[in-house]
Structures are given as structure tokens and as C-alpha cells.
Amino acid sequence: MSTAWVLAGHGSHQKAETAGIVWEYVDALRARGAADEITAAFWMEQPAFAEVLATLASDTIIVVPMFTGAGYFSERIIPAAMQPSPGGRRLVIT
């Protein structure tokens, strides 16, 4: 059984450094070998929330919202956009 972590951020079409912070965490977690697969997904940048699951092979996917607090994106947008693919994969949104 394999596990993927997806760090979910807002992103920006105007400020590239917005996503850079999330990618720094991805790099740090990869360096530590924290999970079998570690990537990011964004609302306003690529890879998009709705598309990132297709890039992962893991059985369990853990999505970690990278927002200042719980709210609209972490409770509504991310769950609606990130539906598990067929085949019995497990999706957990923290």
C-alpha cells in the first residue's frame, strides 16, 4: 500500500512566489522521504486541484490544505474538486 501527500494551496496568476512557498514544503518533505509521493495542487495555478489525482499512483492520497485557516477552500472547494478516481483509492482531506 502506498501513500501520496498533496499540499493544496491557492496560487496566483499574478505572483509566482505564492506557489513557491508550497513547493518549498514539497521539496522538504520529499527530502525527508515522508511519503511515497509528494506534490502540490493549486486553485489558480498548475497542477490544478481537479487534475492532480490523475498524476498519482498511490492507494491513499492525503490532501493537506495550505491556507491560513479552515474555511471555504478547505471545506468546500477542495473536496468538490478532488474526487477520488475509480479503483478504490482512498482520499483523506486533513
PDB file of N, CA and C in Angstrom:
ATOM      1  N   MET A   1       0.842  -1.175   0.000  1.00  0.00           N
ATOM      2  CA  MET A   1       0.000   0.000   0.000  1.00  0.00           C
ATOM      3  C   MET A   1       0.890   1.242   0.000  1.00  0.00           C
ATOM      4  N   SER A   2       0.610   2.173  -0.881  1.00  0.00           N
ATOM      5  CA  SER A   2       1.420   3.388  -0.977  1.00  0.00           C
ATOM      6  C   SER A   2       0.587   4.614  -0.631  1.00  0.00           C
ATOM      7  N   THR A   3       1.290   5.672  -0.203  1.00  0.00           N
ATOM      8  CA  THR A   3       0.630   6.894   0.232  1.00  0.00           C
ATOM      9  C   THR A   3       1.211   8.103  -0.490  1.00  0.00           C
ATOM     10  N   ALA A   4       0.328   8.993  -0.902  1.00  0.00           N
ATOM     11  CA  ALA A   4       0.736  10.271  -1.506  1.00  0.00           C
ATOM     12  C   ALA A   4       0.233  11.411  -0.632  1.00  0.00           C
ATOM     13  N   TRP A   5       1.029  12.455  -0.549  1.00  0.00           N
ATOM     14  CA  TRP A   5       0.606  13.688   0.110  1.00  0.00           C
ATOM     15  C   TRP A   5       0.481  14.761  -0.958  1.00  0.00           C
ATOM     16  N   VAL A   6      -0.609  15.509  -0.904  1.00  0.00           N
ATOM     17  CA  VAL A   6      -0.816  16.642  -1.802  1.00  0.00           C
ATOM     18  C   VAL A   6      -0.980  17.885  -0.942  1.00  0.00           C
ATOM     19  N   LEU A   7      -0.051  18.818  -1.056  1.00  0.00           N
ATOM     20  CA  LEU A   7      -0.179  20.092  -0.356  1.00  0.00           C
ATOM     21  C   LEU A   7      -0.993  21.018  -1.252  1.00  0.00           C
ATOM     22  N   ALA A   8      -2.143  21.449  -0.777  1.00  0.00           N
ATOM     23  CA  ALA A   8      -3.090  22.224  -1.582  1.00  0.00           C
ATOM     24  C   ALA A   8      -3.015  23.701  -1.214  1.00  0.00           C
ATOM     25  N   GLY A   9      -2.687  24.531  -2.206  1.00  0.00           N
ATOM     26  CA  GLY A   9      -2.592  25.972  -1.988  1.00  0.00           C
ATOM     27  C   GLY A   9      -3.476  26.740  -2.942  1.00  0.00           C
ATOM     28  N   HIS A  10      -3.580  28.026  -2.712  1.00  0.00           N
ATOM     29  CA  HIS A  10      -4.420  28.878  -3.563  1.00  0.00           C
ATOM     30  C   HIS A  10      -3.721  29.191  -4.872  1.00  0.00           C
ATOM     31  N   GLY A  11      -2.459  29.624  -4.796  1.00  0.00           N
ATOM     32  CA  GLY A  11      -1.743  30.029  -6.002  1.00  0.00           C
ATOM     33  C   GLY A  11      -2.208  31.383  -6.484  1.00  0.00           C
ATOM     34  N   SER A  12      -1.560  31.882  -7.540  1.00  0.00           N
ATOM     35  CA  SER A  12      -1.882  33.199  -8.080  1.00  0.00           C
ATOM     36  C   SER A  12      -1.428  33.284  -9.523  1.00  0.00           C
ATOM     37  N   HIS A  13      -2.221  33.933 -10.346  1.00  0.00           N
ATOM     38  CA  HIS A  13      -1.808  34.195 -11.728  1.00  0.00           C
ATOM     39  C   HIS A  13      -0.894  35.411 -11.797  1.00  0.00           C
ATOM     40  N   GLN A  14      -0.813  36.170 -10.713  1.00  0.00           N
ATOM     41  CA  GLN A  14      -0.049  37.417 -10.714  1.00  0.00           C
ATOM     42  C   GLN A  14       1.255  37.342  -9.923  1.00  0.00           C
ATOM     43  N   LYS A  15       1.322  36.477  -8.911  1.00  0.00           N
ATOM     44  CA  LYS A  15       2.513  36.405  -8.062  1.00  0.00           C
ATOM     45  C   LYS A  15       3.006  34.967  -7.970  1.00  0.00           C
ATOM     46  N   ALA A  16       4.031  34.658  -8.720  1.00  0.00           N
ATOM     47  CA  ALA A  16       4.563  33.290  -8.754  1.00  0.00           C
ATOM     48  C   ALA A  16       5.085  32.838  -7.395  1.00  0.00           C
ATOM     49  N   GLU A  17       5.551  33.761  -6.570  1.00  0.00           N
ATOM     50  CA  GLU A  17       6.102  33.371  -5.269  1.00  0.00           C
ATOM     51  C   GLU A  17       5.049  32.781  -4.335  1.00  0.00           C
ATOM     52  N   THR A  18       3.777  32.996  -4.633  1.00  0.00           N
ATOM     53  CA  THR A  18       2.712  32.414  -3.816  1.00  0.00           C
ATOM     54  C   THR A  18       2.817  30.898  -3.827  1.00  0.00           C
ATOM     55  N   ALA A  19       2.968  30.306  -4.982  1.00  0.00           N
ATOM     56  CA  ALA A  19       3.104  28.854  -5.089  1.00  0.00           C
ATOM     57  C   ALA A  19       4.475  28.385  -4.622  1.00  0.00           C
ATOM     58  N   GLY A  20       5.459  29.237  -4.729  1.00  0.00           N
ATOM     59  CA  GLY A  20       6.819  28.868  -4.346  1.00  0.00           C
ATOM     60  C   GLY A  20       6.930  28.396  -2.913  1.00  0.00           C
ATOM     61  N   ILE A  21       6.168  28.995  -2.036  1.00  0.00           N
ATOM     62  CA  ILE A  21       6.194  28.605  -0.625  1.00  0.00           C
ATOM     63  C   ILE A  21       5.715  27.163  -0.475  1.00  0.00           C
ATOM     64  N   VAL A  22       4.647  26.822  -1.165  1.00  0.00           N
ATOM     65  CA  VAL A  22       4.113  25.450  -1.092  1.00  0.00           C
ATOM     66  C   VAL A  22       5.119  24.466  -1.677  1.00  0.00           C
ATOM     67  N   TRP A  23       5.731  24.813  -2.822  1.00  0.00           N
ATOM     68  CA  TRP A  23       6.720  23.924  -3.439  1.00  0.00           C
ATOM     69  C   TRP A  23       7.945  23.741  -2.543  1.00  0.00           C
ATOM     70  N   GLU A  24       8.314  24.738  -1.730  1.00  0.00           N
ATOM     71  CA  GLU A  24       9.423  24.578  -0.784  1.00  0.00           C
ATOM     72  C   GLU A  24       9.103  23.502   0.250  1.00  0.00           C
ATOM     73  N   TYR A  25       7.859  23.480   0.720  1.00  0.00           N
ATOM     74  CA  TYR A  25       7.445  22.433   1.656  1.00  0.00           C
ATOM     75  C   TYR A  25       7.445  21.063   0.973  1.00  0.00           C
ATOM     76  N   VAL A  26       6.991  21.001  -0.269  1.00  0.00           N
ATOM     77  CA  VAL A  26       7.021  19.751  -1.026  1.00  0.00           C
ATOM     78  C   VAL A  26       8.451  19.232  -1.107  1.00  0.00           C
ATOM     79  N   ASP A  27       9.381  20.109  -1.472  1.00  0.00           N
ATOM     80  CA  ASP A  27      10.790  19.705  -1.581  1.00  0.00           C
ATOM     81  C   ASP A  27      11.337  19.198  -0.248  1.00  0.00           C
ATOM     82  N   ALA A  28      11.002  19.887   0.840  1.00  0.00           N
ATOM     83  CA  ALA A  28      11.488  19.487   2.160  1.00  0.00           C
ATOM     84  C   ALA A  28      10.930  18.124   2.564  1.00  0.00           C
ATOM     85  N   LEU A  29       9.656  17.897   2.311  1.00  0.00           N
ATOM     86  CA  LEU A  29       9.045  16.603   2.639  1.00  0.00           C
ATOM     87  C   LEU A  29       9.611  15.483   1.770  1.00  0.00           C
ATOM     88  N   ARG A  30       9.852  15.776   0.505  1.00  0.00           N
ATOM     89  CA  ARG A  30      10.472  14.772  -0.372  1.00  0.00           C
ATOM     90  C   ARG A  30      11.860  14.402   0.126  1.00  0.00           C
ATOM     91  N   ALA A  31      12.629  15.403   0.550  1.00  0.00           N
ATOM     92  CA  ALA A  31      13.985  15.157   1.036  1.00  0.00           C
ATOM     93  C   ALA A  31      13.982  14.264   2.277  1.00  0.00           C
ATOM     94  N   ARG A  32      12.934  14.338   3.048  1.00  0.00           N
ATOM     95  CA  ARG A  32      12.805  13.517   4.255  1.00  0.00           C
ATOM     96  C   ARG A  32      12.193  12.142   3.968  1.00  0.00           C
ATOM     97  N   GLY A  33      11.716  11.933   2.748  1.00  0.00           N
ATOM     98  CA  GLY A  33      11.073  10.660   2.416  1.00  0.00           C
ATOM     99  C   GLY A  33       9.789  10.447   3.198  1.00  0.00           C
ATOM    100  N   ALA A  34       9.036  11.519   3.408  1.00  0.00           N
ATOM    101  CA  ALA A  34       7.856  11.479   4.271  1.00  0.00           C
ATOM    102  C   ALA A  34       6.711  10.625   3.729  1.00  0.00           C
ATOM    103  N   ALA A  35       6.643  10.447   2.421  1.00  0.00           N
ATOM    104  CA  ALA A  35       5.587   9.634   1.809  1.00  0.00           C
ATOM    105  C   ALA A  35       6.116   9.099   0.486  1.00  0.00           C
ATOM    106  N   ASP A  36       5.381   8.154  -0.102  1.00  0.00           N
ATOM    107  CA  ASP A  36       5.801   7.571  -1.377  1.00  0.00           C
ATOM    108  C   ASP A  36       5.775   8.597  -2.506  1.00  0.00           C
ATOM    109  N   GLU A  37       4.755   9.457  -2.492  1.00  0.00           N
ATOM    110  CA  GLU A  37       4.636  10.530  -3.482  1.00  0.00           C
ATOM    111  C   GLU A  37       4.260  11.812  -2.733  1.00  0.00           C
ATOM    112  N   ILE A  38       4.869  12.919  -3.132  1.00  0.00           N
ATOM    113  CA  ILE A  38       4.553  14.208  -2.522  1.00  0.00           C
ATOM    114  C   ILE A  38       4.514  15.246  -3.627  1.00  0.00           C
ATOM    115  N   THR A  39       3.411  15.983  -3.700  1.00  0.00           N
ATOM    116  CA  THR A  39       3.267  17.012  -4.725  1.00  0.00           C
ATOM    117  C   THR A  39       2.388  18.141  -4.199  1.00  0.00           C
ATOM    118  N   ALA A  40       2.093  19.069  -5.065  1.00  0.00           N
ATOM    119  CA  ALA A  40       1.236  20.201  -4.711  1.00  0.00           C
ATOM    120  C   ALA A  40       0.108  20.307  -5.726  1.00  0.00           C
ATOM    121  N   ALA A  41      -0.930  21.019  -5.340  1.00  0.00           N
ATOM    122  CA  ALA A  41      -2.050  21.333  -6.236  1.00  0.00           C
ATOM    123  C   ALA A  41      -2.548  22.726  -5.869  1.00  0.00           C
ATOM    124  N   PHE A  42      -3.098  23.417  -6.879  1.00  0.00           N
ATOM    125  CA  PHE A  42      -3.487  24.811  -6.660  1.00  0.00           C
ATOM    126  C   PHE A  42      -4.838  25.129  -7.296  1.00  0.00           C
ATOM    127  N   TRP A  43      -5.470  26.155  -6.767  1.00  0.00           N
ATOM    128  CA  TRP A  43      -6.721  26.662  -7.323  1.00  0.00           C
ATOM    129  C   TRP A  43      -6.438  27.539  -8.540  1.00  0.00           C
ATOM    130  N   MET A  44      -5.393  28.366  -8.479  1.00  0.00           N
ATOM    131  CA  MET A  44      -5.121  29.347  -9.521  1.00  0.00           C
ATOM    132  C   MET A  44      -3.892  29.015 -10.373  1.00  0.00           C
ATOM    133  N   GLU A  45      -3.259  27.883 -10.154  1.00  0.00           N
ATOM    134  CA  GLU A  45      -2.060  27.508 -10.901  1.00  0.00           C
ATOM    135  C   GLU A  45      -2.110  26.018 -11.209  1.00  0.00           C
ATOM    136  N   GLN A  46      -1.081  25.550 -11.889  1.00  0.00           N
ATOM    137  CA  GLN A  46      -0.970  24.132 -12.216  1.00  0.00           C
ATOM    138  C   GLN A  46       0.020  23.477 -11.273  1.00  0.00           C
ATOM    139  N   PRO A  47      -0.205  22.241 -10.920  1.00  0.00           N
ATOM    140  CA  PRO A  47      -1.346  21.412 -11.279  1.00  0.00           C
ATOM    141  C   PRO A  47      -2.587  21.826 -10.496  1.00  0.00           C
ATOM    142  N   ALA A  48      -3.724  21.732 -11.147  1.00  0.00           N
ATOM    143  CA  ALA A  48      -4.993  22.133 -10.549  1.00  0.00           C
ATOM    144  C   ALA A  48      -5.522  21.049  -9.611  1.00  0.00           C
ATOM    145  N   PHE A  49      -6.338  21.468  -8.648  1.00  0.00           N
ATOM    146  CA  PHE A  49      -6.950  20.512  -7.718  1.00  0.00           C
ATOM    147  C   PHE A  49      -7.580  19.342  -8.471  1.00  0.00           C
ATOM    148  N   ALA A  50      -8.376  19.660  -9.478  1.00  0.00           N
ATOM    149  CA  ALA A  50      -9.145  18.634 -10.187  1.00  0.00           C
ATOM    150  C   ALA A  50      -8.281  17.696 -11.025  1.00  0.00           C
ATOM    151  N   GLU A  51      -7.052  18.081 -11.326  1.00  0.00           N
ATOM    152  CA  GLU A  51      -6.204  17.292 -12.219  1.00  0.00           C
ATOM    153  C   GLU A  51      -5.104  16.502 -11.516  1.00  0.00           C
ATOM    154  N   VAL A  52      -4.754  16.879 -10.311  1.00  0.00           N
ATOM    155  CA  VAL A  52      -3.569  16.300  -9.674  1.00  0.00           C
ATOM    156  C   VAL A  52      -3.740  14.811  -9.346  1.00  0.00           C
ATOM    157  N   LEU A  53      -4.936  14.377  -9.028  1.00  0.00           N
ATOM    158  CA  LEU A  53      -5.128  12.967  -8.662  1.00  0.00           C
ATOM    159  C   LEU A  53      -4.736  12.016  -9.782  1.00  0.00           C
ATOM    160  N   ALA A  54      -4.941  12.424 -11.013  1.00  0.00           N
ATOM    161  CA  ALA A  54      -4.592  11.581 -12.166  1.00  0.00           C
ATOM    162  C   ALA A  54      -3.080  11.391 -12.298  1.00  0.00           C
ATOM    163  N   THR A  55      -2.289  12.235 -11.652  1.00  0.00           N
ATOM    164  CA  THR A  55      -0.832  12.140 -11.740  1.00  0.00           C
ATOM    165  C   THR A  55      -0.243  11.229 -10.666  1.00  0.00           C
ATOM    166  N   LEU A  56      -1.087  10.737  -9.757  1.00  0.00           N
ATOM    167  CA  LEU A  56      -0.608   9.947  -8.625  1.00  0.00           C
ATOM    168  C   LEU A  56      -0.980   8.477  -8.767  1.00  0.00           C
ATOM    169  N   ALA A  57      -0.093   7.604  -8.325  1.00  0.00           N
ATOM    170  CA  ALA A  57      -0.334   6.166  -8.407  1.00  0.00           C
ATOM    171  C   ALA A  57      -0.692   5.550  -7.056  1.00  0.00           C
ATOM    172  N   SER A  58      -0.559   6.296  -5.986  1.00  0.00           N
ATOM    173  CA  SER A  58      -0.749   5.754  -4.635  1.00  0.00           C
ATOM    174  C   SER A  58      -2.188   5.347  -4.345  1.00  0.00           C
ATOM    175  N   ASP A  59      -2.312   4.397  -3.419  1.00  0.00           N
ATOM    176  CA  ASP A  59      -3.619   3.897  -2.992  1.00  0.00           C
ATOM    177  C   ASP A  59      -4.340   4.875  -2.070  1.00  0.00           C
ATOM    178  N   THR A  60      -3.574   5.549  -1.221  1.00  0.00           N
ATOM    179  CA  THR A  60      -4.118   6.523  -0.279  1.00  0.00           C
ATOM    180  C   THR A  60      -3.531   7.885  -0.598  1.00  0.00           C
ATOM    181  N   ILE A  61      -4.395   8.874  -0.694  1.00  0.00           N
ATOM    182  CA  ILE A  61      -3.967  10.237  -1.001  1.00  0.00           C
ATOM    183  C   ILE A  61      -4.413  11.138   0.141  1.00  0.00           C
ATOM    184  N   ILE A  62      -3.444  11.790   0.766  1.00  0.00           N
ATOM    185  CA  ILE A  62      -3.726  12.689   1.876  1.00  0.00           C
ATOM    186  C   ILE A  62      -3.524  14.109   1.389  1.00  0.00           C
ATOM    187  N   VAL A  63      -4.583  14.907   1.448  1.00  0.00           N
ATOM    188  CA  VAL A  63      -4.546  16.290   0.996  1.00  0.00           C
ATOM    189  C   VAL A  63      -4.421  17.194   2.220  1.00  0.00           C
ATOM    190  N   VAL A  64      -3.404  18.051   2.215  1.00  0.00           N
ATOM    191  CA  VAL A  64      -3.160  18.973   3.316  1.00  0.00           C
ATOM    192  C   VAL A  64      -3.368  20.393   2.803  1.00  0.00           C
ATOM    193  N   PRO A  65      -4.498  21.029   3.149  1.00  0.00           N
ATOM    194  CA  PRO A  65      -4.718  22.411   2.716  1.00  0.00           C
ATOM    195  C   PRO A  65      -3.687  23.346   3.352  1.00  0.00           C
ATOM    196  N   MET A  66      -3.070  24.183   2.537  1.00  0.00           N
ATOM    197  CA  MET A  66      -2.055  25.131   2.999  1.00  0.00           C
ATOM    198  C   MET A  66      -2.650  26.542   2.977  1.00  0.00           C
ATOM    199  N   PHE A  67      -3.608  26.764   3.854  1.00  0.00           N
ATOM    200  CA  PHE A  67      -4.284  28.055   3.956  1.00  0.00           C
ATOM    201  C   PHE A  67      -4.111  28.579   5.372  1.00  0.00           C
ATOM    202  N   THR A  68      -4.398  29.852   5.582  1.00  0.00           N
ATOM    203  CA  THR A  68      -4.209  30.437   6.910  1.00  0.00           C
ATOM    204  C   THR A  68      -5.203  29.910   7.933  1.00  0.00           C
ATOM    205  N   GLY A  69      -6.277  29.301   7.475  1.00  0.00           N
ATOM    206  CA  GLY A  69      -7.248  28.723   8.392  1.00  0.00           C
ATOM    207  C   GLY A  69      -8.282  27.920   7.633  1.00  0.00           C
ATOM    208  N   ALA A  70      -9.075  27.174   8.378  1.00  0.00           N
ATOM    209  CA  ALA A  70     -10.159  26.410   7.765  1.00  0.00           C
ATOM    210  C   ALA A  70     -11.206  27.381   7.246  1.00  0.00           C
ATOM    211  N   GLY A  71     -11.795  27.033   6.141  1.00  0.00           N
ATOM    212  CA  GLY A  71     -12.811  27.901   5.574  1.00  0.00           C
ATOM    213  C   GLY A  71     -13.308  27.380   4.249  1.00  0.00           C
ATOM    214  N   TYR A  72     -13.717  28.290   3.407  1.00  0.00           N
ATOM    215  CA  TYR A  72     -14.379  27.977   2.149  1.00  0.00           C
ATOM    216  C   TYR A  72     -13.567  27.022   1.272  1.00  0.00           C
ATOM    217  N   PHE A  73     -12.286  27.295   1.081  1.00  0.00           N
ATOM    218  CA  PHE A  73     -11.477  26.445   0.201  1.00  0.00           C
ATOM    219  C   PHE A  73     -11.250  25.065   0.813  1.00  0.00           C
ATOM    220  N   SER A  74     -10.889  25.019   2.077  1.00  0.00           N
ATOM    221  CA  SER A  74     -10.582  23.726   2.679  1.00  0.00           C
ATOM    222  C   SER A  74     -11.824  22.887   2.963  1.00  0.00           C
ATOM    223  N   GLU A  75     -12.965  23.534   3.125  1.00  0.00           N
ATOM    224  CA  GLU A  75     -14.187  22.790   3.443  1.00  0.00           C
ATOM    225  C   GLU A  75     -15.110  22.558   2.250  1.00  0.00           C
ATOM    226  N   ARG A  76     -14.998  23.389   1.206  1.00  0.00           N
ATOM    227  CA  ARG A  76     -15.920  23.274   0.071  1.00  0.00           C
ATOM    228  C   ARG A  76     -15.211  23.023  -1.266  1.00  0.00           C
ATOM    229  N   ILE A  77     -14.298  23.902  -1.632  1.00  0.00           N
ATOM    230  CA  ILE A  77     -13.675  23.843  -2.967  1.00  0.00           C
ATOM    231  C   ILE A  77     -12.821  22.597  -3.150  1.00  0.00           C
ATOM    232  N   ILE A  78     -11.914  22.340  -2.225  1.00  0.00           N
ATOM    233  CA  ILE A  78     -11.017  21.192  -2.367  1.00  0.00           C
ATOM    234  C   ILE A  78     -11.793  19.869  -2.389  1.00  0.00           C
ATOM    235  N   PRO A  79     -12.699  19.621  -1.445  1.00  0.00           N
ATOM    236  CA  PRO A  79     -13.448  18.356  -1.518  1.00  0.00           C
ATOM    237  C   PRO A  79     -14.265  18.199  -2.800  1.00  0.00           C
ATOM    238  N   ALA A  80     -14.828  19.292  -3.304  1.00  0.00           N
ATOM    239  CA  ALA A  80     -15.617  19.206  -4.536  1.00  0.00           C
ATOM    240  C   ALA A  80     -14.736  18.953  -5.755  1.00  0.00           C
ATOM    241  N   ALA A  81     -13.552  19.549  -5.788  1.00  0.00           N
ATOM    242  CA  ALA A  81     -12.672  19.433  -6.954  1.00  0.00           C
ATOM    243  C   ALA A  81     -11.874  18.138  -6.973  1.00  0.00           C
ATOM    244  N   MET A  82     -11.550  17.607  -5.812  1.00  0.00           N
ATOM    245  CA  MET A  82     -10.673  16.439  -5.737  1.00  0.00           C
ATOM    246  C   MET A  82     -11.473  15.202  -5.388  1.00  0.00           C
ATOM    247  N   GLN A  83     -12.049  14.604  -6.378  1.00  0.00           N
ATOM    248  CA  GLN A  83     -12.802  13.371  -6.191  1.00  0.00           C
ATOM    249  C   GLN A  83     -11.874  12.195  -6.497  1.00  0.00           C
ATOM    250  N   PRO A  84     -11.904  11.162  -5.662  1.00  0.00           N
ATOM    251  CA  PRO A  84     -11.022  10.016  -5.928  1.00  0.00           C
ATOM    252  C   PRO A  84     -11.390   9.339  -7.239  1.00  0.00           C
ATOM    253  N   SER A  85     -10.371   8.836  -7.913  1.00  0.00           N
ATOM    254  CA  SER A  85     -10.605   8.135  -9.172  1.00  0.00           C
ATOM    255  C   SER A  85     -11.161   6.745  -8.897  1.00  0.00           C
ATOM    256  N   PRO A  86     -11.781   6.149  -9.879  1.00  0.00           N
ATOM    257  CA  PRO A  86     -12.272   4.777  -9.703  1.00  0.00           C
ATOM    258  C   PRO A  86     -11.115   3.840  -9.337  1.00  0.00           C
ATOM    259  N   GLY A  87     -11.441   2.758  -8.727  1.00  0.00           N
ATOM    260  CA  GLY A  87     -10.414   1.786  -8.394  1.00  0.00           C
ATOM    261  C   GLY A  87     -10.166   1.680  -6.907  1.00  0.00           C
ATOM    262  N   GLY A  88     -10.981   2.320  -6.103  1.00  0.00           N
ATOM    263  CA  GLY A  88     -10.895   2.147  -4.669  1.00  0.00           C
ATOM    264  C   GLY A  88      -9.824   2.940  -3.970  1.00  0.00           C
ATOM    265  N   ARG A  89      -9.281   3.973  -4.582  1.00  0.00           N
ATOM    266  CA  ARG A  89      -8.290   4.788  -3.881  1.00  0.00           C
ATOM    267  C   ARG A  89      -8.963   5.567  -2.744  1.00  0.00           C
ATOM    268  N   ARG A  90      -8.243   5.760  -1.692  1.00  0.00           N
ATOM    269  CA  ARG A  90      -8.766   6.467  -0.517  1.00  0.00           C
ATOM    270  C   ARG A  90      -8.256   7.894  -0.534  1.00  0.00           C
ATOM    271  N   LEU A  91      -9.151   8.858  -0.360  1.00  0.00           N
ATOM    272  CA  LEU A  91      -8.799  10.274  -0.323  1.00  0.00           C
ATOM    273  C   LEU A  91      -9.131  10.819   1.047  1.00  0.00           C
ATOM    274  N   VAL A  92      -8.119  11.415   1.717  1.00  0.00           N
ATOM    275  CA  VAL A  92      -8.293  11.998   3.038  1.00  0.00           C
ATOM    276  C   VAL A  92      -7.908  13.472   2.937  1.00  0.00           C
ATOM    277  N   ILE A  93      -8.812  14.346   3.364  1.00  0.00           N
ATOM    278  CA  ILE A  93      -8.501  15.774   3.409  1.00  0.00           C
ATOM    279  C   ILE A  93      -8.372  16.161   4.867  1.00  0.00           C
ATOM    280  N   THR A  94      -7.190  16.638   5.252  1.00  0.00           N
ATOM    281  CA  THR A  94      -6.944  16.947   6.663  1.00  0.00           C
ATOM    282  C   THR A  94      -7.560  18.258   7.060  1.00  0.00           C
TER     283      THR A  94
END
